[in-house]
Amino acid sequence: MISALTSGSIKAKAREFGFDLCGIAPAERFPELAFLREWIDRGYAGEMAYMARTADRRADVRAVVPGAHSVIVTGTLYNTVPPYADDEVPPTVARISRYAWGDDYHDVLKVRLDALLAWMRAHSPEAFEARAYVDTGPVQERVYAQYAGLGWIGKNTCLINPELGSWLFLGEIISTLPLEPDAPGLDQCGACTRCLEACPTGALVDAGALDATCCISYLTIELRGGIPEPLRPALGNHVYGCDICQDVCPYNQAAPVSPDPAWQPRAGLHRPALAALWRRTDDDLRALLKGSAMTRAKLTGLRRNVAIAIGNSGDRDAMAALGEAGADRPSVNGPMVREHAR
């Protein structure tokens, strides 16, 4: 006879499947979930219209899985030996957010999460409903991660674990199983405001409140049109995402490094020169980014970002590259990319 699933057995199996953290949160309507509506009403979501469309479902996971009792939350460390080991990164080198250095975490972790869910179904004495998501479903996963004991939501809006820091991918299984929950994580930011002070665009308008419309990650990834000119200088040499508010966090100063091959930097994404990145053909870029999270920005978005970074660098060779014609780079010929190159 199959014994009942327990929180302990699920956590142990999660570790076997490659997750560094696993906790259980009750499927409740926590007070922190209500802030999303206020955040949207302030206009902080920018062009991310899907946030407003799914706001009601994001307010309670029981709207996603009716009858849900538990949310199993996993955390996966993606910190690797960084290309940016020092503060003196040449302005001619492209900065890429470290979560995008390796393989697309959505794909990698969804396979592992589906395997965990399949194991749960095979070892449960009773049928249950469940949905698994890796940053794709209408779930405020950081809130549930906090209530699952994985850490706390820091002033930079990232989930911070006291031992692993904030370099964490989150995933969850929403289930009708009545599992024993963990104690919630406690805020340990204290009086520290390093992340708020370090943001070059002032996107962190308050502790735990991010105005995405002026966040470098939003501007270089989610925004589909032109980047407002007043914000372009603050992007520096960032071409995809931004880690500044995490880099300065004290909990990341001694964060462990993951040996997982999936997160190791690809050769072409390890401190690439801006000029070399711009001169790559469209086919070369597609091959480099295949299976990477960086495909979200599309080629035109990446070209736009590189053009801004080149302008900020002041490098003559790189700026000369902006004017070079190339039939093998049709993505540079659209009006948006041309305007940013100009």
Protein backbone atom coordinates (compact mmCIF):
# COMPACT_ATOMS: atom_id res chain seq x y z
CA MET A 1 0.00 0.00 0.00
CA ILE A 2 1.28 3.47 -0.91
CA SER A 3 1.86 5.63 2.14
CA ALA A 4 0.57 9.20 2.32
CA LEU A 5 2.75 11.93 0.90
CA THR A 6 4.31 14.17 3.50
CA SER A 7 5.93 17.57 3.35
CA GLY A 8 9.22 15.97 4.36
CA SER A 9 9.19 13.34 1.62
CA ILE A 10 8.35 15.94 -1.03
CA LYS A 11 11.20 18.20 0.10
CA ALA A 12 13.66 15.32 0.08
CA LYS A 13 12.62 14.32 -3.45
CA ALA A 14 12.85 17.96 -4.58
CA ARG A 15 16.50 18.00 -3.54
CA GLU A 16 17.09 14.82 -5.54
CA PHE A 17 15.67 16.52 -8.62
CA GLY A 18 18.12 19.41 -8.29
CA PHE A 19 16.25 22.03 -6.30
CA ASP A 20 18.29 23.78 -3.60
CA LEU A 21 15.28 24.87 -1.54
CA CYS A 22 11.77 23.55 -1.06
CA GLY A 23 9.05 24.66 1.32
CA ILE A 24 5.29 24.45 1.74
CA ALA A 25 2.94 27.44 2.03
CA PRO A 26 -0.78 27.26 2.73
CA ALA A 27 -2.94 28.29 -0.20
CA GLU A 28 -4.33 31.40 1.44
CA ARG A 29 -5.07 34.98 0.43
CA PHE A 30 -2.15 36.63 2.21
CA PRO A 31 -2.22 40.41 2.85
CA GLU A 32 0.87 40.99 0.68
CA LEU A 33 -1.00 39.72 -2.37
CA ALA A 34 -3.27 42.79 -2.35
CA PHE A 35 -0.42 45.17 -3.18
CA LEU A 36 -0.39 44.00 -6.81
CA ARG A 37 -3.58 45.90 -7.63
CA GLU A 38 -2.20 49.10 -6.10
CA TRP A 39 1.08 48.57 -7.98
CA ILE A 40 -0.78 48.28 -11.28
CA ASP A 41 -2.97 51.30 -10.51
CA ARG A 42 0.16 53.40 -9.91
CA GLY A 43 1.19 52.64 -13.49
CA TYR A 44 4.27 50.71 -12.42
CA ALA A 45 3.53 47.78 -14.76
CA GLY A 46 4.21 49.84 -17.88
CA GLU A 47 3.37 47.90 -21.03
CA MET A 48 3.03 44.57 -19.21
CA ALA A 49 -0.72 44.45 -19.84
CA TYR A 50 -0.85 40.78 -18.88
CA MET A 51 -0.39 41.82 -15.25
CA ALA A 52 -3.69 43.70 -15.24
CA ARG A 53 -5.46 40.97 -17.21
CA THR A 54 -4.51 38.34 -14.64
CA ALA A 55 -4.59 40.50 -11.50
CA ASP A 56 -7.68 38.82 -10.04
CA ARG A 57 -6.20 35.34 -10.47
CA ARG A 58 -2.87 36.50 -9.06
CA ALA A 59 -4.66 37.61 -5.89
CA ASP A 60 -5.28 34.00 -4.78
CA VAL A 61 -3.87 30.70 -6.11
CA ARG A 62 -7.25 29.09 -5.44
CA ALA A 63 -8.43 30.99 -8.52
CA VAL A 64 -5.80 29.02 -10.47
CA VAL A 65 -6.41 25.63 -8.87
CA PRO A 66 -9.86 25.49 -7.25
CA GLY A 67 -9.78 23.75 -3.90
CA ALA A 68 -6.02 24.23 -3.52
CA HIS A 69 -4.68 23.64 -0.01
CA SER A 70 -0.92 23.87 -0.47
CA VAL A 71 1.73 25.61 -2.57
CA ILE A 72 5.01 23.72 -2.88
CA VAL A 73 7.68 26.32 -3.65
CA THR A 74 11.15 25.47 -4.93
CA GLY A 75 14.25 27.64 -5.09
CA THR A 76 17.23 26.98 -7.38
CA LEU A 77 20.56 28.74 -7.00
CA TYR A 78 21.89 30.14 -10.27
CA ASN A 79 24.91 32.06 -9.01
CA THR A 80 27.96 31.10 -11.07
CA VAL A 81 31.56 32.29 -11.31
CA PRO A 82 30.74 35.78 -12.56
CA PRO A 83 32.19 37.47 -15.64
CA TYR A 84 31.85 40.65 -13.58
CA ALA A 85 34.10 39.65 -10.70
CA ASP A 86 35.19 43.24 -10.14
CA ASP A 87 33.64 46.70 -10.25
CA GLU A 88 35.85 47.86 -13.13
CA VAL A 89 33.94 46.49 -16.09
CA PRO A 90 35.10 48.30 -19.23
CA PRO A 91 32.33 50.37 -20.83
CA THR A 92 33.03 48.50 -24.09
CA VAL A 93 31.90 45.20 -22.53
CA ALA A 94 28.21 44.25 -22.59
CA ARG A 95 26.56 43.65 -19.23
CA ILE A 96 24.07 40.79 -19.22
CA SER A 97 22.02 39.79 -16.19
CA ARG A 98 23.48 36.61 -14.76
CA TYR A 99 20.22 34.66 -14.86
CA ALA A 100 20.48 34.78 -18.67
CA TRP A 101 24.11 33.61 -19.02
CA GLY A 102 23.18 29.96 -19.41
CA ASP A 103 20.14 27.98 -20.50
CA ASP A 104 16.56 29.19 -20.26
CA TYR A 105 15.52 28.50 -16.67
CA HIS A 106 11.86 28.19 -17.69
CA ASP A 107 12.63 25.08 -19.74
CA VAL A 108 15.23 23.53 -17.43
CA LEU A 109 13.25 23.89 -14.22
CA LYS A 110 9.86 23.01 -15.74
CA VAL A 111 11.26 19.57 -16.62
CA ARG A 112 12.44 19.11 -13.03
CA LEU A 113 9.19 20.42 -11.56
CA ASP A 114 7.10 18.17 -13.80
CA ALA A 115 9.23 15.23 -12.68
CA LEU A 116 8.57 16.11 -9.04
CA LEU A 117 4.84 16.37 -9.70
CA ALA A 118 4.84 13.02 -11.54
CA TRP A 119 6.60 11.42 -8.57
CA MET A 120 4.00 12.90 -6.23
CA ARG A 121 1.15 11.47 -8.31
CA ALA A 122 2.83 8.06 -8.41
CA HIS A 123 3.28 8.00 -4.63
CA SER A 124 -0.01 9.52 -3.50
CA PRO A 125 -2.67 7.12 -2.21
CA GLU A 126 -5.34 9.53 -3.44
CA ALA A 127 -5.86 11.55 -6.60
CA PHE A 128 -5.30 15.30 -6.41
CA GLU A 129 -5.39 18.35 -8.64
CA ALA A 130 -2.20 20.33 -9.24
CA ARG A 131 -0.54 22.84 -11.57
CA ALA A 132 3.20 23.48 -11.90
CA TYR A 133 4.68 26.81 -12.95
CA VAL A 134 8.13 28.30 -13.42
CA ASP A 135 7.64 32.07 -13.62
CA THR A 136 4.92 31.66 -16.21
CA GLY A 137 1.62 31.30 -14.35
CA PRO A 138 -0.62 33.91 -12.70
CA VAL A 139 1.06 33.38 -9.33
CA GLN A 140 2.78 35.86 -7.01
CA GLU A 141 5.45 33.31 -6.30
CA ARG A 142 7.65 35.48 -4.08
CA VAL A 143 4.82 35.90 -1.59
CA TYR A 144 4.23 32.16 -1.41
CA ALA A 145 7.99 31.54 -1.25
CA GLN A 146 8.15 33.80 1.80
CA TYR A 147 5.28 31.96 3.47
CA ALA A 148 6.92 28.64 2.55
CA GLY A 149 9.95 29.68 4.60
CA LEU A 150 12.37 30.07 1.68
CA GLY A 151 13.29 33.61 2.71
CA TRP A 152 11.76 37.08 2.70
CA ILE A 153 10.93 39.68 0.06
CA GLY A 154 13.72 42.25 0.27
CA LYS A 155 13.59 45.97 -0.31
CA ASN A 156 14.77 45.29 -3.87
CA THR A 157 11.60 43.13 -4.34
CA CYS A 158 13.69 39.95 -4.72
CA LEU A 159 13.29 36.91 -2.50
CA ILE A 160 16.34 36.70 -0.23
CA ASN A 161 17.46 33.54 1.53
CA PRO A 162 19.81 34.13 4.50
CA GLU A 163 22.26 31.45 3.32
CA LEU A 164 21.91 31.49 -0.48
CA GLY A 165 21.18 35.16 -1.10
CA SER A 166 18.82 36.23 -3.87
CA TRP A 167 20.29 34.48 -6.92
CA LEU A 168 17.31 32.12 -6.94
CA PHE A 169 14.90 30.83 -9.56
CA LEU A 170 11.48 30.09 -8.08
CA GLY A 171 8.99 27.45 -9.14
CA GLU A 172 5.80 26.16 -7.58
CA ILE A 173 3.27 23.35 -7.57
CA ILE A 174 -0.21 24.43 -6.53
CA SER A 175 -1.98 21.39 -5.12
CA THR A 176 -5.19 20.28 -3.47
CA LEU A 177 -3.14 18.10 -1.10
CA PRO A 178 -3.40 19.21 2.56
CA LEU A 179 0.32 19.31 3.33
CA GLU A 180 1.94 20.56 6.53
CA PRO A 181 3.12 24.15 5.92
CA ASP A 182 6.42 25.68 6.94
CA ALA A 183 6.91 28.73 9.13
CA PRO A 184 7.15 31.90 7.02
CA GLY A 185 10.47 33.65 6.45
CA LEU A 186 11.25 36.73 8.53
CA ASP A 187 12.44 40.04 7.12
CA GLN A 188 16.16 40.45 7.76
CA CYS A 189 16.92 43.54 5.68
CA GLY A 190 16.95 45.72 8.77
CA ALA A 191 17.92 49.34 8.16
CA CYS A 192 19.96 48.53 5.04
CA THR A 193 19.04 50.61 1.97
CA ARG A 194 21.94 49.77 -0.35
CA CYS A 195 19.71 48.50 -3.13
CA LEU A 196 17.52 51.61 -3.12
CA GLU A 197 20.54 53.88 -3.21
CA ALA A 198 22.36 51.95 -5.94
CA CYS A 199 19.57 51.88 -8.56
CA PRO A 200 20.79 54.24 -11.30
CA THR A 201 17.31 55.09 -12.56
CA GLY A 202 15.53 55.41 -9.19
CA ALA A 203 13.22 52.53 -10.09
CA LEU A 204 13.08 51.38 -6.47
CA VAL A 205 10.77 54.16 -5.35
CA ASP A 206 10.42 52.70 -1.86
CA ALA A 207 11.25 49.54 0.05
CA GLY A 208 9.57 46.71 -1.85
CA ALA A 209 8.08 49.02 -4.49
CA LEU A 210 9.53 48.90 -8.01
CA ASP A 211 8.44 51.25 -10.79
CA ALA A 212 9.08 48.96 -13.73
CA THR A 213 8.77 51.79 -16.25
CA CYS A 214 12.22 53.06 -15.30
CA CYS A 215 13.83 49.74 -14.31
CA ILE A 216 16.74 48.71 -16.54
CA SER A 217 15.50 45.11 -16.66
CA TYR A 218 12.08 46.22 -17.89
CA LEU A 219 13.52 48.70 -20.38
CA THR A 220 15.92 46.19 -21.93
CA ILE A 221 13.63 43.16 -21.90
CA GLU A 222 9.91 43.88 -21.60
CA LEU A 223 9.64 47.24 -23.40
CA ARG A 224 9.00 46.66 -27.10
CA GLY A 225 9.34 50.20 -28.42
CA GLY A 226 11.91 52.91 -28.03
CA ILE A 227 13.62 53.54 -24.70
CA PRO A 228 12.96 57.11 -23.46
CA GLU A 229 15.99 59.28 -24.20
CA PRO A 230 16.34 60.67 -20.65
CA LEU A 231 16.83 57.11 -19.36
CA ARG A 232 19.36 55.97 -21.96
CA PRO A 233 22.53 57.30 -20.26
CA ALA A 234 21.64 55.46 -17.02
CA LEU A 235 21.63 52.13 -18.88
CA GLY A 236 25.41 52.34 -19.21
CA ASN A 237 26.55 49.12 -20.89
CA HIS A 238 23.57 46.99 -19.83
CA VAL A 239 22.20 45.17 -22.88
CA TYR A 240 19.94 42.62 -21.16
CA GLY A 241 18.62 42.99 -17.65
CA CYS A 242 20.32 44.42 -14.60
CA ASP A 243 21.72 42.96 -11.37
CA ILE A 244 22.77 46.13 -9.56
CA CYS A 245 20.22 45.90 -6.73
CA GLN A 246 21.31 42.30 -6.12
CA ASP A 247 25.04 42.88 -6.57
CA VAL A 248 25.06 45.39 -3.69
CA CYS A 249 22.97 43.23 -1.34
CA PRO A 250 25.02 42.09 1.69
CA TYR A 251 23.40 38.65 1.53
CA ASN A 252 24.94 38.10 -1.91
CA GLN A 253 28.49 38.99 -0.96
CA ALA A 254 29.27 35.44 0.16
CA ALA A 255 26.57 33.59 -1.78
CA PRO A 256 27.55 30.03 -2.75
CA VAL A 257 28.24 29.20 -6.38
CA SER A 258 26.18 26.68 -8.33
CA PRO A 259 28.04 23.96 -10.25
CA ASP A 260 24.95 23.21 -12.36
CA PRO A 261 26.01 23.14 -16.04
CA ALA A 262 22.70 24.73 -17.05
CA TRP A 263 23.59 28.08 -15.50
CA GLN A 264 27.23 28.38 -16.60
CA PRO A 265 27.91 31.31 -18.97
CA ARG A 266 27.86 30.50 -22.66
CA ALA A 267 31.09 31.37 -24.44
CA GLY A 268 29.52 34.18 -26.48
CA LEU A 269 27.85 35.67 -23.40
CA HIS A 270 31.01 35.81 -21.29
CA ARG A 271 32.03 39.48 -21.30
CA PRO A 272 31.19 40.06 -24.98
CA ALA A 273 32.56 43.23 -26.55
CA LEU A 274 29.79 45.58 -27.63
CA ALA A 275 31.23 46.04 -31.12
CA ALA A 276 31.58 42.29 -31.63
CA LEU A 277 28.01 41.72 -30.40
CA TRP A 278 26.67 44.35 -32.81
CA ARG A 279 28.66 42.95 -35.75
CA ARG A 280 27.28 39.42 -35.31
CA THR A 281 24.93 38.38 -38.08
CA ASP A 282 21.30 37.74 -37.24
CA ASP A 283 21.84 34.02 -37.80
CA ASP A 284 24.83 34.05 -35.43
CA LEU A 285 22.81 35.81 -32.74
CA ARG A 286 19.92 33.39 -33.12
CA ALA A 287 22.28 30.44 -32.77
CA LEU A 288 23.95 32.00 -29.72
CA LEU A 289 20.66 32.74 -27.98
CA LYS A 290 18.82 29.52 -28.87
CA GLY A 291 17.58 27.90 -25.68
CA SER A 292 18.42 31.05 -23.71
CA ALA A 293 16.12 33.36 -21.76
CA MET A 294 17.50 36.22 -23.86
CA THR A 295 15.21 35.34 -26.75
CA ARG A 296 12.48 37.25 -24.88
CA ALA A 297 13.91 40.60 -25.97
CA LYS A 298 13.94 39.51 -29.64
CA LEU A 299 16.75 40.51 -31.98
CA THR A 300 15.43 44.03 -32.49
CA GLY A 301 15.27 44.62 -28.73
CA LEU A 302 18.81 43.35 -28.25
CA ARG A 303 20.10 45.48 -31.15
CA ARG A 304 18.36 48.53 -29.66
CA ASN A 305 20.00 47.89 -26.29
CA VAL A 306 23.45 47.34 -27.78
CA ALA A 307 23.16 50.58 -29.76
CA ILE A 308 22.45 52.52 -26.58
CA ALA A 309 25.33 50.82 -24.75
CA ILE A 310 27.70 51.64 -27.61
CA GLY A 311 26.62 55.26 -27.49
CA ASN A 312 27.20 55.35 -23.76
CA SER A 313 30.63 53.74 -24.13
CA GLY A 314 32.06 56.49 -26.31
CA ASP A 315 34.19 53.85 -28.08
CA ARG A 316 35.03 54.96 -31.62
CA ASP A 317 35.37 51.48 -33.09
CA ALA A 318 32.05 50.42 -31.64
CA MET A 319 30.34 53.59 -32.85
CA ALA A 320 31.79 53.04 -36.32
CA ALA A 321 30.19 49.58 -36.29
CA LEU A 322 26.76 51.17 -35.90
CA GLY A 323 27.07 52.70 -39.34
CA GLU A 324 28.21 49.55 -41.12
CA ALA A 325 25.77 48.07 -43.59
CA GLY A 326 25.12 44.34 -43.63
CA ALA A 327 22.62 42.30 -45.61
CA ASP A 328 23.12 39.51 -43.07
CA ARG A 329 21.81 41.75 -40.29
CA PRO A 330 18.27 42.74 -41.33
CA SER A 331 17.32 43.30 -37.69
CA VAL A 332 19.32 46.55 -37.70
CA ASN A 333 17.28 48.05 -40.50
CA GLY A 334 14.00 48.65 -38.71
CA PRO A 335 13.06 52.23 -37.73
CA MET A 336 13.39 51.62 -33.97
CA VAL A 337 16.90 50.16 -34.14
CA ARG A 338 18.00 52.79 -36.68
CA GLU A 339 16.79 55.58 -34.41
CA HIS A 340 18.70 54.21 -31.43
CA ALA A 341 21.81 53.68 -33.55
CA ARG A 342 21.55 57.28 -34.72
